[in-house]
Amino acid sequence: MKCFEDNKDQLVKLINKQRDADGISVRALAKTADCSQSGLNQTLKKGFSASLDKLLLLLNALGFTVTLTIKHAATGKETNIRLRK
């Protein structure tokens, strides 16, 4: 995800603009960072969790507190995980 690291300033602007919206689009991040969307899709197909880890670490490194809400499919129980810098 070198393309994300190379475009930190643009990404921070995008994230700040979208942080009050419903969510931050991975596609929008890829476009802003000049990453190949097909390359990003390949990464997501190979292992979404690995890509998500990188994205979360990037957001955290940029100074954002990241909260994940995981919902158990069978029980409906939600667990919040917070990643702080």
C-alpha atoms as a PDB file:
ATOM      1  CA  MET A   1       0.000   0.000   0.000  1.00  0.00           C
ATOM      2  CA  LYS A   2       2.890   2.305  -0.804  1.00  0.00           C
ATOM      3  CA  CYS A   3       0.542   4.472  -2.861  1.00  0.00           C
ATOM      4  CA  PHE A   4      -1.364   5.292   0.336  1.00  0.00           C
ATOM      5  CA  GLU A   5       1.829   6.314   2.118  1.00  0.00           C
ATOM      6  CA  ASP A   6       2.931   8.476  -0.822  1.00  0.00           C
ATOM      7  CA  ASN A   7      -0.302  10.512  -0.752  1.00  0.00           C
ATOM      8  CA  LYS A   8      -0.816  11.098   2.973  1.00  0.00           C
ATOM      9  CA  ASP A   9      -1.765  14.785   2.650  1.00  0.00           C
ATOM     10  CA  GLN A  10      -4.500  14.121   0.101  1.00  0.00           C
ATOM     11  CA  LEU A  11      -5.755  11.173   2.145  1.00  0.00           C
ATOM     12  CA  VAL A  12      -5.963  13.229   5.330  1.00  0.00           C
ATOM     13  CA  LYS A  13      -8.063  15.842   3.475  1.00  0.00           C
ATOM     14  CA  LEU A  14     -10.362  13.136   2.090  1.00  0.00           C
ATOM     15  CA  ILE A  15     -10.729  11.408   5.454  1.00  0.00           C
ATOM     16  CA  ASN A  16     -11.440  14.690   7.258  1.00  0.00           C
ATOM     17  CA  LYS A  17     -14.090  15.538   4.661  1.00  0.00           C
ATOM     18  CA  GLN A  18     -15.773  12.142   4.966  1.00  0.00           C
ATOM     19  CA  ARG A  19     -15.316  11.377   8.652  1.00  0.00           C
ATOM     20  CA  ASP A  20     -18.766  12.767   9.536  1.00  0.00           C
ATOM     21  CA  ALA A  21     -20.403  10.854   6.691  1.00  0.00           C
ATOM     22  CA  ASP A  22     -21.658   7.279   6.964  1.00  0.00           C
ATOM     23  CA  GLY A  23     -18.257   5.827   6.219  1.00  0.00           C
ATOM     24  CA  ILE A  24     -15.046   6.164   4.291  1.00  0.00           C
ATOM     25  CA  SER A  25     -15.032   4.416   0.941  1.00  0.00           C
ATOM     26  CA  VAL A  26     -12.046   2.205   0.214  1.00  0.00           C
ATOM     27  CA  ARG A  27     -12.625   3.030  -3.457  1.00  0.00           C
ATOM     28  CA  ALA A  28     -12.422   6.766  -2.726  1.00  0.00           C
ATOM     29  CA  LEU A  29      -9.223   6.213  -0.761  1.00  0.00           C
ATOM     30  CA  ALA A  30      -7.737   4.239  -3.635  1.00  0.00           C
ATOM     31  CA  LYS A  31      -8.695   6.918  -6.155  1.00  0.00           C
ATOM     32  CA  THR A  32      -7.284   9.719  -4.013  1.00  0.00           C
ATOM     33  CA  ALA A  33      -4.070   7.805  -3.401  1.00  0.00           C
ATOM     34  CA  ASP A  34      -3.654   7.095  -7.123  1.00  0.00           C
ATOM     35  CA  CYS A  35      -3.773   3.380  -6.422  1.00  0.00           C
ATOM     36  CA  SER A  36      -4.977   1.086  -9.140  1.00  0.00           C
ATOM     37  CA  GLN A  37      -8.547   0.082  -8.297  1.00  0.00           C
ATOM     38  CA  SER A  38      -8.024  -3.296  -9.964  1.00  0.00           C
ATOM     39  CA  GLY A  39      -4.827  -3.757  -7.954  1.00  0.00           C
ATOM     40  CA  LEU A  40      -6.701  -2.942  -4.773  1.00  0.00           C
ATOM     41  CA  ASN A  41      -9.502  -5.327  -5.739  1.00  0.00           C
ATOM     42  CA  GLN A  42      -6.950  -8.111  -6.293  1.00  0.00           C
ATOM     43  CA  THR A  43      -5.544  -7.451  -2.843  1.00  0.00           C
ATOM     44  CA  LEU A  44      -9.030  -7.584  -1.360  1.00  0.00           C
ATOM     45  CA  LYS A  45      -9.792 -10.856  -3.154  1.00  0.00           C
ATOM     46  CA  LYS A  46      -6.560 -12.450  -1.923  1.00  0.00           C
ATOM     47  CA  GLY A  47      -7.270 -11.610   1.680  1.00  0.00           C
ATOM     48  CA  PHE A  48      -9.585  -8.856   2.785  1.00  0.00           C
ATOM     49  CA  SER A  49      -8.433  -9.053   6.381  1.00  0.00           C
ATOM     50  CA  ALA A  50      -4.810  -8.371   5.426  1.00  0.00           C
ATOM     51  CA  SER A  51      -5.847  -5.329   3.379  1.00  0.00           C
ATOM     52  CA  LEU A  52      -8.145  -4.149   6.141  1.00  0.00           C
ATOM     53  CA  ASP A  53      -5.276  -4.444   8.632  1.00  0.00           C
ATOM     54  CA  LYS A  54      -3.106  -2.239   6.425  1.00  0.00           C
ATOM     55  CA  LEU A  55      -5.889   0.297   5.957  1.00  0.00           C
ATOM     56  CA  LEU A  56      -6.606   0.446   9.696  1.00  0.00           C
ATOM     57  CA  LEU A  57      -2.923   0.838  10.513  1.00  0.00           C
ATOM     58  CA  LEU A  58      -2.654   3.612   7.921  1.00  0.00           C
ATOM     59  CA  LEU A  59      -5.634   5.491   9.355  1.00  0.00           C
ATOM     60  CA  ASN A  60      -4.191   5.023  12.838  1.00  0.00           C
ATOM     61  CA  ALA A  61      -0.765   6.249  11.717  1.00  0.00           C
ATOM     62  CA  LEU A  62      -2.427   9.352  10.270  1.00  0.00           C
ATOM     63  CA  GLY A  63      -3.735  10.106  13.758  1.00  0.00           C
ATOM     64  CA  PHE A  64      -7.271   8.759  13.626  1.00  0.00           C
ATOM     65  CA  THR A  65      -8.822   6.640  16.337  1.00  0.00           C
ATOM     66  CA  VAL A  66     -10.379   3.701  14.528  1.00  0.00           C
ATOM     67  CA  THR A  67     -13.335   1.790  15.959  1.00  0.00           C
ATOM     68  CA  LEU A  68     -14.496  -1.471  14.432  1.00  0.00           C
ATOM     69  CA  THR A  69     -17.923  -2.866  15.203  1.00  0.00           C
ATOM     70  CA  ILE A  70     -18.109  -6.597  14.640  1.00  0.00           C
ATOM     71  CA  LYS A  71     -21.533  -8.218  14.631  1.00  0.00           C
ATOM     72  CA  HIS A  72     -21.835 -11.953  15.231  1.00  0.00           C
ATOM     73  CA  ALA A  73     -23.984 -13.416  12.444  1.00  0.00           C
ATOM     74  CA  ALA A  74     -25.778 -16.000  14.584  1.00  0.00           C
ATOM     75  CA  THR A  75     -26.328 -14.145  17.857  1.00  0.00           C
ATOM     76  CA  GLY A  76     -26.420 -10.560  16.629  1.00  0.00           C
ATOM     77  CA  LYS A  77     -24.075  -9.575  19.478  1.00  0.00           C
ATOM     78  CA  GLU A  78     -21.879  -6.591  18.640  1.00  0.00           C
ATOM     79  CA  THR A  79     -18.303  -6.104  19.804  1.00  0.00           C
ATOM     80  CA  ASN A  80     -16.455  -2.809  19.491  1.00  0.00           C
ATOM     81  CA  ILE A  81     -12.697  -2.812  18.973  1.00  0.00           C
ATOM     82  CA  ARG A  82     -10.878   0.508  19.266  1.00  0.00           C
ATOM     83  CA  LEU A  83      -7.457   1.110  17.768  1.00  0.00           C
ATOM     84  CA  ARG A  84      -5.686   4.163  19.168  1.00  0.00           C
ATOM     85  CA  LYS A  85      -2.401   5.728  18.251  1.00  0.00           C
END
